[in-house]
Amino acid sequence: MKKIEANKQLIAACGLYCGACRKYLTEQCPGCHLNEKTSWCKIRTCAKGCGFHTCAECDKDVTDCRIFSNPIGNVLGLLFGSDRPACINYIRERGEQAFADEMTLRKCHAIKKQ
């Protein structure tokens, strides 16, 4: 099993931190940006199409974005207790490396819903 490392390249387009994900750590997934099987993900497709690493680079408020705030993502957020908009806001305020450092410190793939 891989160790959790602070690597900003492991931040998914939607703000989740692949570097602390169980599937990434057990080498079942290469992470959002290298996983060609995730071509179904509209958030990833949009971010890549705009030349963004994450949605934090977009001028839109993610809570108003129909691509980011989609029903599937919202249900998954409820199931896993993750707050993807909070992750994007953290990245916007402090930067990608600070987010990777924080998620590594917390040993989790997302900021939890409060």
Protein backbone atom coordinates (compact mmCIF):
# COMPACT_ATOMS: atom_id res chain seq x y z
CA MET A 1 0.00 0.00 0.00
CA LYS A 2 1.23 3.49 -0.88
CA LYS A 3 1.76 6.13 1.79
CA ILE A 4 -0.27 9.33 1.78
CA GLU A 5 1.86 12.06 0.25
CA ALA A 6 1.27 15.77 -0.22
CA ASN A 7 1.27 16.10 -4.00
CA LYS A 8 -0.85 18.80 -5.63
CA GLN A 9 -0.97 16.73 -8.84
CA LEU A 10 -3.18 14.27 -6.91
CA ILE A 11 -6.01 16.79 -6.49
CA ALA A 12 -9.02 15.77 -8.58
CA ALA A 13 -10.76 18.31 -10.81
CA CYS A 14 -13.68 18.45 -8.34
CA GLY A 15 -11.42 19.11 -5.35
CA LEU A 16 -11.24 15.63 -3.86
CA TYR A 17 -7.74 14.56 -2.84
CA CYS A 18 -6.81 11.33 -4.64
CA GLY A 19 -3.58 11.09 -2.62
CA ALA A 20 -5.55 9.97 0.44
CA CYS A 21 -8.13 7.83 -1.36
CA ARG A 22 -8.15 4.14 -0.48
CA LYS A 23 -8.36 3.09 -4.14
CA TYR A 24 -5.35 5.24 -5.03
CA LEU A 25 -3.36 4.04 -2.02
CA THR A 26 -4.03 0.38 -2.87
CA GLU A 27 -3.10 1.03 -6.52
CA GLN A 28 -6.59 0.28 -7.83
CA CYS A 29 -6.83 3.78 -9.35
CA PRO A 30 -4.16 6.13 -10.74
CA GLY A 31 -6.06 9.22 -9.60
CA CYS A 32 -8.45 11.55 -11.41
CA HIS A 33 -6.14 13.08 -13.95
CA LEU A 34 -4.50 9.83 -15.07
CA ASN A 35 -7.60 7.63 -14.94
CA GLU A 36 -8.88 7.37 -18.51
CA LYS A 37 -11.81 5.27 -17.26
CA THR A 38 -13.30 8.42 -15.73
CA SER A 39 -14.11 9.97 -19.10
CA TRP A 40 -17.77 9.82 -17.94
CA CYS A 41 -17.05 12.53 -15.33
CA LYS A 42 -18.45 15.81 -16.62
CA ILE A 43 -16.52 17.83 -14.02
CA ARG A 44 -13.20 16.36 -15.14
CA THR A 45 -14.10 16.82 -18.81
CA CYS A 46 -15.09 20.47 -18.26
CA ALA A 47 -11.96 21.30 -16.25
CA LYS A 48 -9.68 19.65 -18.81
CA GLY A 49 -11.53 21.35 -21.68
CA CYS A 50 -10.98 24.74 -20.04
CA GLY A 51 -7.31 23.96 -19.40
CA PHE A 52 -7.84 23.86 -15.62
CA HIS A 53 -6.30 21.45 -13.13
CA THR A 54 -9.25 21.95 -10.76
CA CYS A 55 -12.52 23.86 -10.67
CA ALA A 56 -10.80 26.33 -8.32
CA GLU A 57 -9.35 28.01 -11.42
CA CYS A 58 -12.81 28.76 -12.84
CA ASP A 59 -14.48 32.11 -12.23
CA LYS A 60 -17.88 30.49 -11.52
CA ASP A 61 -19.13 29.80 -8.03
CA VAL A 62 -19.17 25.99 -7.93
CA THR A 63 -22.45 25.95 -6.03
CA ASP A 64 -24.07 27.71 -9.02
CA CYS A 65 -22.38 25.51 -11.63
CA ARG A 66 -24.72 22.86 -13.05
CA ILE A 67 -21.78 20.67 -14.05
CA PHE A 68 -20.14 20.75 -10.60
CA SER A 69 -23.35 20.58 -8.55
CA ASN A 70 -24.87 17.61 -10.34
CA PRO A 71 -27.24 15.10 -8.71
CA ILE A 72 -24.75 12.20 -8.74
CA GLY A 73 -22.01 14.29 -7.11
CA ASN A 74 -24.44 15.60 -4.52
CA VAL A 75 -25.60 12.08 -3.59
CA LEU A 76 -22.01 10.84 -3.34
CA GLY A 77 -21.19 13.85 -1.15
CA LEU A 78 -24.03 12.90 1.19
CA LEU A 79 -23.00 9.24 1.32
CA PHE A 80 -19.35 10.00 2.03
CA GLY A 81 -19.87 13.18 4.04
CA SER A 82 -17.57 15.13 1.72
CA ASP A 83 -17.88 18.85 1.04
CA ARG A 84 -16.41 19.36 -2.44
CA PRO A 85 -17.35 23.07 -2.59
CA ALA A 86 -15.41 23.58 0.66
CA CYS A 87 -12.42 21.82 -0.94
CA ILE A 88 -12.57 24.11 -3.98
CA ASN A 89 -12.87 27.18 -1.74
CA TYR A 90 -9.88 26.03 0.33
CA ILE A 91 -7.82 25.66 -2.85
CA ARG A 92 -8.90 29.12 -4.05
CA GLU A 93 -7.98 30.74 -0.73
CA ARG A 94 -4.75 28.91 0.10
CA GLY A 95 -3.56 27.15 -3.06
CA GLU A 96 -3.25 23.59 -4.27
CA GLN A 97 -0.11 22.68 -2.33
CA ALA A 98 -1.61 23.92 0.94
CA PHE A 99 -4.71 21.80 0.24
CA ALA A 100 -2.59 18.71 -0.50
CA ASP A 101 -0.62 19.34 2.70
CA GLU A 102 -3.84 19.71 4.73
CA MET A 103 -5.46 16.57 3.33
CA THR A 104 -2.23 14.64 3.96
CA LEU A 105 -2.18 15.90 7.54
CA ARG A 106 -5.86 14.97 8.02
CA LYS A 107 -5.37 11.67 6.14
CA CYS A 108 -8.60 12.14 4.22
CA HIS A 109 -9.70 12.73 0.65
CA ALA A 110 -12.06 15.65 1.32
CA ILE A 111 -13.11 18.28 3.79
CA LYS A 112 -16.00 16.77 5.71
CA LYS A 113 -19.47 18.32 5.78
CA GLN A 114 -20.12 20.19 8.98
